[in-house]
Each structure stands twice: as structure tokens, then as C-alpha cells.
Amino acid sequence: MNRLLIVKPSSLGDILHAFPAAAVLCRETGAAADWLVHPAFAPLLHYLPCVKRGILFERRRLGSLRTFLPAWFSLRRELKREKYDAVIDFQGLLRSALLGRTARAEICAGMPHEWIARPFYGRKLSADPHLHALLRNNAAAADFLGKPADEIDFSFRLEPVEEYVRSARTLLGKNGVPSDRRNMLIGIAPGARWPTKQWPPAFFARLIGEIGKIFPEALFLLFGSQADAEGAETIRKSVPDPERVVGFCGQTELGDLVELTRLCSLFISNDSGPMHIAAALDIPVLAFFGATSPVLTGPYTRRKAILRPGLPCEQCFRHRCADMKCHGAVRPEDAAAAAARLLERE
């Protein structure tokens, strides 16, 4: 094979979960790949050398009556620019299946997540829906290759990208963080897309205070989007030593976030995209799960601790909740003890 098209537009964690499978597909077939991706996540593709071109899926423009036609014709032109030996759709939705069929390809293969997508695949790839998302992608890739998944080496590393390494160093200097690494750096991502997945600022402030008592040399780096900046500043002002907390919310591009996370000794997070970056970098992860399932979408690493509320309403998969009992059921003191155990193992 010469060229593959990978379809996995979003989200951040989902794309990272497809990296090992995509790397294996390229290695085993000898093909280079293009990747259909949301513009926000396109910088991640620089971490996968076999990807030669990112094709931008501009969902916002495609969702507007005013911009739909020019956006669609531009995307269609990009999808037809190359002749592909195969399209592999890891998204499994009707939309992604239709886009895969739009490309010039010998075959369109995918693992249907929506039943309505099934007729659009010339080849349906099997994967157990009860597996972790990364393992489902690996199983689909193995099925495409016609090999047992346990006979394929799916190990994958996010190697540094020098452009982003330089940018991350600049950001550290701009925010007064020493670059000589005498301090232990602990990354924290306190935001999340769903309110039910987002533990409150007061919880993180107390957690930072507890960890700071155990590790007085620690500096805490708060990561997130501009929308997370207000909550991050609330956290910073609420801790006993605000000078030990540095806010990066809204300052980092995706590549910066990867390289700053690489410098951390521990990463603490809700169920969110940055958590998956830390796991992919093999940074120890402390994560909080209530509304969602760590079995299906948790940090895929052995170096982790996951705290759950232990309530009957766990894994409700609701975006909103009237009382958020699960957030109050996890104590900052217990989270700090779990963080200490992870750091002491290192």
C-alpha cells in the first residue's frame, strides 16, 4: 500500500487513542497516511511521523448555512486530492463514514459506532465495545491487517517535537518558572467539557495545599483553555502559597501543552483531554472519575491512580446534575495521599 486515510476528527483523547493503531497500520502496510482532523487538534499530528498531511474538518463552518457550501467543496477537494488504498474510520459515525466514502479509495473500512453508518463501510472492522477506546482501535487495526492483536507490537511513544519544545521553554520563562528543574513540577488540569466531570476549584485548592505540605519543593502548573482561566485563578488565590501556583490557562497551544506536560513529575486531572496527553507521555496520572467510565476512557497507563466517589449513581454519563454528590464524595486528603504514593514510586 502507498497511502491511507485515517478518519478520526476529534476529540483530543480519542485522537491519541488512535495513534498506536495508526502507527501500526502504516508500519505493517508500508504506507504513509493522511488524517481527517478537527483544526483544534491538527498540531497533534506532528507527533505521528507517518502522517504526511492533515485534512481539516472545519465543523463550525460546515454547521453554518452561510459557510457550508464553500467549506464542503473545499473539504471534498482535499479528500479527493489523493488516491487512497484504504480509508480507515475510527470514529464510526454516519458523518465520518460519509466523509470516508467521499475520498477516492479502494475500500472504506470502519468499526460502526452508529448502526446507520454500517452500510457505508465496504469492510466492517470488529472491536469489543466493552474494551478501552485505545484497545478497540488496536483491535480494529489488527482486524484490518488480518492478524491477532496480541501478535502485534502496538507500543508507541510521543517523541519531542523541537518546535514545541522551544515554545514551551519560552512560556516557562515568561511565567517565571525555573528551567533548571530544581523544583518538582506538578501539572493540574482542573477543567472539563461537562460540569459533571469538573471537580470544583475549592477541591483543587485544598488538594494543592495538602500536596504542598508533603512536597515543599513542588510547583503547580495549571493548564486549560481560556474558559478555564477564571477557575484556575480562583484556585491560585485560594491556596496557602499562591506563588507556588502558575496559571497557563489560555496561554498554550496544543504542542506547548504536550511539551510542558512532559516536564511534569505528576499530572492531576478530571476526565479531560490533557489527562490523555500525560498518559501518552507515560507521566504518572492522578484522575477523578464520577459521571464517566475509567474502564472505557480512563488514562491508558500503568502509572496512574483513579479516585471515584463510590456512589450508586456513578457512571451516569450525564452532562449536568442537580447536586454533584460525586464531587463531595472524594476527599482532597485522600487525593493528596494518592498523589504522594505515585510520586514516591518514582
Protein backbone atom coordinates (compact mmCIF):
# COMPACT_ATOMS: atom_id res chain seq x y z
CA MET A 1 0.00 0.00 0.00
CA ASN A 2 1.09 3.57 -0.66
CA ARG A 3 -1.44 5.83 1.06
CA LEU A 4 -4.04 5.52 3.82
CA LEU A 5 -6.63 7.99 5.04
CA ILE A 6 -7.33 7.91 8.78
CA VAL A 7 -10.68 9.37 9.84
CA LYS A 8 -10.73 10.48 13.47
CA PRO A 9 -11.56 14.20 13.66
CA SER A 10 -11.85 14.55 17.44
CA SER A 11 -11.56 14.71 20.38
CA LEU A 12 -8.09 15.15 21.88
CA GLY A 13 -8.13 11.92 23.86
CA ASP A 14 -9.82 9.98 21.06
CA ILE A 15 -7.14 11.02 18.59
CA LEU A 16 -4.34 10.00 20.96
CA HIS A 17 -6.07 6.66 21.48
CA ALA A 18 -5.90 6.07 17.73
CA PHE A 19 -2.16 6.86 17.44
CA PRO A 20 -0.81 3.35 18.23
CA ALA A 21 -3.26 1.75 15.77
CA ALA A 22 -2.47 4.28 13.04
CA ALA A 23 1.29 3.85 13.54
CA VAL A 24 0.94 0.07 13.24
CA LEU A 25 -1.20 0.36 10.09
CA CYS A 26 1.47 2.48 8.45
CA ARG A 27 4.31 0.25 9.63
CA GLU A 28 2.68 -3.02 8.60
CA THR A 29 1.45 -1.82 5.20
CA GLY A 30 4.44 0.39 4.38
CA ALA A 31 2.02 3.25 3.63
CA ALA A 32 2.07 6.91 4.53
CA ALA A 33 -1.15 8.41 5.90
CA ASP A 34 -3.33 11.48 5.71
CA TRP A 35 -5.60 12.25 8.66
CA LEU A 36 -9.01 13.91 8.68
CA VAL A 37 -8.89 16.06 11.82
CA HIS A 38 -10.58 18.98 13.54
CA PRO A 39 -8.33 22.09 13.23
CA ALA A 40 -8.00 22.38 17.02
CA PHE A 41 -6.23 19.01 17.18
CA ALA A 42 -4.17 19.20 13.98
CA PRO A 43 -0.90 20.04 15.83
CA LEU A 44 -1.02 16.58 17.43
CA LEU A 45 -0.32 15.04 14.03
CA HIS A 46 3.26 16.35 14.19
CA TYR A 47 3.82 13.64 16.81
CA LEU A 48 3.00 10.87 14.35
CA PRO A 49 5.75 10.84 11.68
CA CYS A 50 3.88 8.57 9.26
CA VAL A 51 1.17 11.21 8.81
CA LYS A 52 2.08 13.40 5.86
CA ARG A 53 -0.99 15.64 5.65
CA GLY A 54 -3.78 16.76 7.92
CA ILE A 55 -7.11 17.35 6.19
CA LEU A 56 -9.08 19.85 8.23
CA PHE A 57 -12.64 19.02 9.21
CA GLU A 58 -13.95 22.52 9.92
CA ARG A 59 -17.05 21.53 11.80
CA ARG A 60 -18.12 25.08 12.68
CA ARG A 61 -18.06 26.25 9.08
CA LEU A 62 -19.80 23.09 7.90
CA GLY A 63 -22.51 23.66 10.51
CA SER A 64 -23.43 27.13 9.28
CA LEU A 65 -25.79 27.76 6.35
CA ARG A 66 -23.73 30.79 5.38
CA THR A 67 -20.41 28.92 5.12
CA PHE A 68 -21.49 25.33 4.46
CA LEU A 69 -21.09 25.27 0.67
CA PRO A 70 -17.57 26.75 0.42
CA ALA A 71 -16.44 24.64 3.40
CA TRP A 72 -17.91 21.47 1.90
CA PHE A 73 -16.41 21.96 -1.55
CA SER A 74 -13.02 22.75 -0.01
CA LEU A 75 -13.15 19.60 2.14
CA ARG A 76 -14.36 17.47 -0.77
CA ARG A 77 -11.49 18.73 -2.92
CA GLU A 78 -8.96 17.82 -0.22
CA LEU A 79 -10.46 14.36 0.26
CA LYS A 80 -10.21 13.66 -3.46
CA ARG A 81 -6.72 15.09 -3.94
CA GLU A 82 -5.05 11.72 -3.26
CA LYS A 83 -5.92 8.21 -4.39
CA TYR A 84 -6.02 6.07 -1.24
CA ASP A 85 -5.52 2.36 -0.96
CA ALA A 86 -7.87 2.40 2.03
CA VAL A 87 -9.82 4.67 4.34
CA ILE A 88 -9.90 3.55 7.98
CA ASP A 89 -12.62 5.26 10.00
CA PHE A 90 -12.00 5.07 13.74
CA GLN A 91 -14.92 7.43 14.52
CA GLY A 92 -17.70 5.11 13.39
CA LEU A 93 -20.41 7.74 12.94
CA LEU A 94 -22.67 8.33 9.95
CA ARG A 95 -20.89 11.63 9.31
CA SER A 96 -17.40 10.12 9.39
CA ALA A 97 -18.49 7.16 7.24
CA LEU A 98 -19.91 9.51 4.60
CA LEU A 99 -16.73 11.57 4.59
CA GLY A 100 -14.67 8.39 4.22
CA ARG A 101 -16.75 7.34 1.24
CA THR A 102 -16.23 10.77 -0.32
CA ALA A 103 -12.49 10.13 -0.62
CA ARG A 104 -11.05 8.34 -3.66
CA ALA A 105 -10.24 4.98 -2.13
CA GLU A 106 -10.17 1.30 -2.99
CA ILE A 107 -12.03 0.46 0.21
CA CYS A 108 -13.62 2.24 3.14
CA ALA A 109 -13.23 0.30 6.41
CA GLY A 110 -14.55 1.19 9.83
CA MET A 111 -15.96 -0.03 13.12
CA PRO A 112 -19.54 1.26 13.28
CA HIS A 113 -20.45 3.17 16.42
CA GLU A 114 -23.79 4.22 14.95
CA TRP A 115 -25.80 1.48 13.27
CA ILE A 116 -26.74 3.84 10.44
CA ALA A 117 -23.07 4.07 9.45
CA ARG A 118 -22.76 0.32 8.73
CA PRO A 119 -23.94 0.33 5.07
CA PHE A 120 -21.24 2.82 4.10
CA TYR A 121 -18.33 0.57 5.00
CA GLY A 122 -17.05 -1.81 2.36
CA ARG A 123 -15.34 -3.61 5.21
CA LYS A 124 -16.58 -3.63 8.79
CA LEU A 125 -13.90 -3.90 11.46
CA SER A 126 -14.72 -5.69 14.69
CA ALA A 127 -13.87 -4.49 18.17
CA ASP A 128 -15.35 -5.26 21.57
CA PRO A 129 -17.34 -2.18 22.73
CA HIS A 130 -16.50 -3.04 26.35
CA LEU A 131 -12.77 -2.53 25.77
CA HIS A 132 -10.89 0.69 26.48
CA ALA A 133 -11.04 3.04 23.48
CA LEU A 134 -7.33 2.55 22.69
CA LEU A 135 -7.69 -1.22 22.71
CA ARG A 136 -10.77 -1.03 20.46
CA ASN A 137 -8.74 0.93 17.91
CA ASN A 138 -5.91 -1.58 18.17
CA ALA A 139 -8.34 -4.46 17.64
CA ALA A 140 -9.82 -2.75 14.58
CA ALA A 141 -6.34 -2.21 13.11
CA ALA A 142 -5.45 -5.85 13.74
CA ASP A 143 -8.68 -6.93 12.04
CA PHE A 144 -7.84 -4.78 9.03
CA LEU A 145 -4.38 -6.37 8.84
CA GLY A 146 -5.79 -9.87 9.32
CA LYS A 147 -3.61 -10.58 12.37
CA PRO A 148 -4.37 -11.34 16.03
CA ALA A 149 -3.99 -8.16 18.10
CA ASP A 150 -1.81 -9.95 20.67
CA GLU A 151 0.76 -10.72 17.97
CA ILE A 152 1.26 -7.05 17.07
CA ASP A 153 3.50 -4.59 18.92
CA PHE A 154 1.28 -1.54 19.49
CA SER A 155 3.74 0.28 21.75
CA PHE A 156 4.04 3.96 20.83
CA ARG A 157 5.91 6.98 22.19
CA LEU A 158 5.25 10.67 21.72
CA GLU A 159 8.75 11.83 20.84
CA PRO A 160 9.56 15.53 21.41
CA VAL A 161 8.88 17.98 18.59
CA GLU A 162 11.64 20.59 18.73
CA GLU A 163 9.44 23.49 17.64
CA TYR A 164 7.10 22.86 20.55
CA VAL A 165 9.96 22.21 22.98
CA ARG A 166 11.34 25.70 22.27
CA SER A 167 7.91 27.26 22.62
CA ALA A 168 7.33 25.51 25.94
CA ARG A 169 10.66 26.78 27.29
CA THR A 170 9.71 30.30 26.28
CA LEU A 171 6.40 30.00 28.13
CA LEU A 172 8.15 28.74 31.26
CA GLY A 173 10.50 31.73 31.23
CA LYS A 174 7.67 34.15 30.56
CA ASN A 175 5.82 32.84 33.62
CA GLY A 176 8.89 32.80 35.88
CA VAL A 177 9.18 29.03 36.18
CA PRO A 178 12.84 27.94 36.66
CA SER A 179 14.13 25.87 33.76
CA ASP A 180 16.89 24.18 35.81
CA ARG A 181 14.36 21.59 37.13
CA ARG A 182 15.36 22.04 40.78
CA ASN A 183 11.65 22.19 41.52
CA MET A 184 9.23 19.30 41.19
CA LEU A 185 6.64 20.30 38.61
CA ILE A 186 3.08 19.02 39.09
CA GLY A 187 0.64 19.67 36.26
CA ILE A 188 -3.05 20.15 37.02
CA ALA A 189 -5.91 20.34 34.52
CA PRO A 190 -8.92 21.49 36.60
CA GLY A 191 -11.32 21.97 33.66
CA ALA A 192 -13.56 19.60 31.71
CA ARG A 193 -16.17 19.86 28.97
CA TRP A 194 -19.03 18.59 31.16
CA PRO A 195 -19.89 20.19 34.52
CA THR A 196 -20.32 16.68 35.96
CA LYS A 197 -16.70 15.85 35.11
CA GLN A 198 -15.30 19.05 36.63
CA TRP A 199 -14.38 18.92 40.32
CA PRO A 200 -14.76 22.41 41.88
CA PRO A 201 -11.90 24.93 42.34
CA ALA A 202 -12.13 24.60 46.14
CA PHE A 203 -11.31 20.89 45.84
CA PHE A 204 -8.17 21.56 43.78
CA ALA A 205 -7.08 24.39 46.08
CA ARG A 206 -7.28 22.11 49.12
CA LEU A 207 -5.54 19.33 47.19
CA ILE A 208 -2.65 21.63 46.25
CA GLY A 209 -2.34 22.70 49.88
CA GLU A 210 -2.18 19.09 51.08
CA ILE A 211 0.40 18.06 48.46
CA GLY A 212 2.43 21.17 49.25
CA LYS A 213 2.76 20.07 52.87
CA ILE A 214 4.23 16.73 51.75
CA PHE A 215 6.42 18.08 48.94
CA PRO A 216 7.56 21.64 49.79
CA GLU A 217 9.70 21.77 46.63
CA ALA A 218 6.69 21.33 44.32
CA LEU A 219 5.49 23.93 41.84
CA PHE A 220 1.97 23.55 40.46
CA LEU A 221 1.21 24.38 36.81
CA LEU A 222 -2.46 24.92 35.96
CA PHE A 223 -3.40 24.02 32.38
CA GLY A 224 -6.54 24.57 30.36
CA SER A 225 -8.27 26.78 27.83
CA GLN A 226 -9.13 30.44 28.22
CA ALA A 227 -12.53 29.31 29.51
CA ASP A 228 -10.73 27.63 32.44
CA ALA A 229 -8.70 30.74 33.35
CA GLU A 230 -11.16 32.18 35.87
CA GLY A 231 -11.46 28.91 37.76
CA ALA A 232 -7.68 28.49 37.71
CA GLU A 233 -7.19 31.96 39.18
CA THR A 234 -9.70 31.13 41.91
CA ILE A 235 -7.63 28.05 42.72
CA ARG A 236 -4.39 30.04 42.77
CA LYS A 237 -5.76 32.70 45.12
CA SER A 238 -7.22 30.06 47.46
CA VAL A 239 -4.05 28.07 48.17
CA PRO A 240 -1.81 28.82 51.19
CA ASP A 241 1.18 29.71 48.94
CA PRO A 242 -0.12 31.31 45.70
CA GLU A 243 3.42 31.92 44.47
CA ARG A 244 3.85 28.16 44.07
CA VAL A 245 0.97 28.01 41.58
CA VAL A 246 1.43 29.19 37.98
CA GLY A 247 -1.50 29.55 35.61
CA PHE A 248 -1.05 28.63 31.94
CA CYS A 249 -4.75 28.56 31.01
CA GLY A 250 -5.33 30.15 27.64
CA GLN A 251 -1.58 30.55 27.01
CA THR A 252 -0.72 27.19 25.48
CA GLU A 253 -1.13 25.84 22.00
CA LEU A 254 -1.57 22.08 21.85
CA GLY A 255 2.11 21.39 21.16
CA ASP A 256 3.12 23.61 24.10
CA LEU A 257 0.79 21.64 26.36
CA VAL A 258 2.39 18.35 25.31
CA GLU A 259 5.92 19.56 25.99
CA LEU A 260 5.05 21.28 29.28
CA THR A 261 3.32 18.10 30.43
CA ARG A 262 6.45 16.12 29.52
CA LEU A 263 8.34 18.11 32.19
CA CYS A 264 5.93 17.19 34.98
CA SER A 265 6.59 14.59 37.66
CA LEU A 266 2.84 14.08 38.15
CA PHE A 267 -0.31 15.14 36.32
CA ILE A 268 -3.61 15.65 38.15
CA SER A 269 -6.81 15.92 36.14
CA ASN A 270 -10.52 15.47 35.76
CA ASP A 271 -11.60 13.22 32.88
CA SER A 272 -10.33 15.52 30.13
CA GLY A 273 -8.05 15.70 27.11
CA PRO A 274 -4.89 16.83 28.96
CA MET A 275 -5.14 13.69 31.11
CA HIS A 276 -4.69 11.59 27.98
CA ILE A 277 -1.63 13.61 26.94
CA ALA A 278 0.02 12.79 30.27
CA ALA A 279 -0.87 9.11 29.91
CA ALA A 280 0.53 9.01 26.37
CA LEU A 281 3.77 10.55 27.68
CA ASP A 282 3.91 7.94 30.48
CA ILE A 283 3.70 10.67 33.14
CA PRO A 284 2.08 9.40 36.38
CA VAL A 285 -1.59 10.43 36.38
CA LEU A 286 -4.00 11.05 39.24
CA ALA A 287 -7.51 11.30 37.78
CA PHE A 288 -11.02 11.82 39.12
CA PHE A 289 -13.95 9.94 37.61
CA GLY A 290 -17.61 10.19 38.54
CA ALA A 291 -20.00 10.54 35.62
CA THR A 292 -17.83 8.64 33.13
CA SER A 293 -16.09 5.28 32.96
CA PRO A 294 -12.35 4.90 33.60
CA VAL A 295 -12.58 1.41 32.09
CA LEU A 296 -13.64 2.77 28.69
CA THR A 297 -11.90 6.16 28.54
CA GLY A 298 -9.57 6.38 31.52
CA PRO A 299 -5.86 7.23 31.30
CA TYR A 300 -4.25 4.34 29.42
CA THR A 301 -1.12 3.87 31.51
CA ARG A 302 0.03 1.67 34.36
CA ARG A 303 1.34 4.71 36.23
CA LYS A 304 -1.98 6.01 37.48
CA ALA A 305 -4.35 6.33 40.40
CA ILE A 306 -8.06 6.84 39.80
CA LEU A 307 -10.31 8.16 42.55
CA ARG A 308 -14.04 7.52 42.31
CA PRO A 309 -16.88 8.56 44.62
CA GLY A 310 -18.21 5.04 45.21
CA LEU A 311 -21.84 6.08 44.79
CA PRO A 312 -24.69 4.15 43.12
CA CYS A 313 -25.13 6.99 40.61
CA GLU A 314 -21.56 6.64 39.28
CA GLN A 315 -21.09 6.45 35.50
CA CYS A 316 -24.39 8.19 34.82
CA PHE A 317 -22.87 9.83 31.71
CA ARG A 318 -24.95 12.93 32.38
CA HIS A 319 -23.58 16.33 31.40
CA ARG A 320 -25.40 18.04 34.27
CA CYS A 321 -26.51 17.03 37.76
CA ALA A 322 -28.59 18.79 40.39
CA ASP A 323 -26.41 18.03 43.43
CA MET A 324 -22.98 16.81 42.19
CA LYS A 325 -22.73 14.34 45.09
CA CYS A 326 -19.82 12.55 43.44
CA HIS A 327 -17.59 15.63 43.77
CA GLY A 328 -18.14 15.84 47.50
CA ALA A 329 -17.51 12.12 47.96
CA VAL A 330 -13.81 12.40 47.06
CA ARG A 331 -11.73 13.99 49.81
CA PRO A 332 -8.73 16.21 48.95
CA GLU A 333 -6.76 14.48 51.72
CA ASP A 334 -7.26 11.10 50.06
CA ALA A 335 -6.30 12.55 46.69
CA ALA A 336 -3.12 14.02 48.18
CA ALA A 337 -2.21 10.66 49.69
CA ALA A 338 -2.71 9.00 46.31
CA ALA A 339 -0.53 11.67 44.67
CA ALA A 340 2.19 11.08 47.26
CA ARG A 341 2.17 7.34 46.60
CA LEU A 342 2.57 7.94 42.86
CA LEU A 343 5.44 10.38 43.38
CA GLU A 344 7.20 8.16 45.90
CA ARG A 345 7.15 5.24 43.45
CA GLU A 346 9.14 7.42 41.07
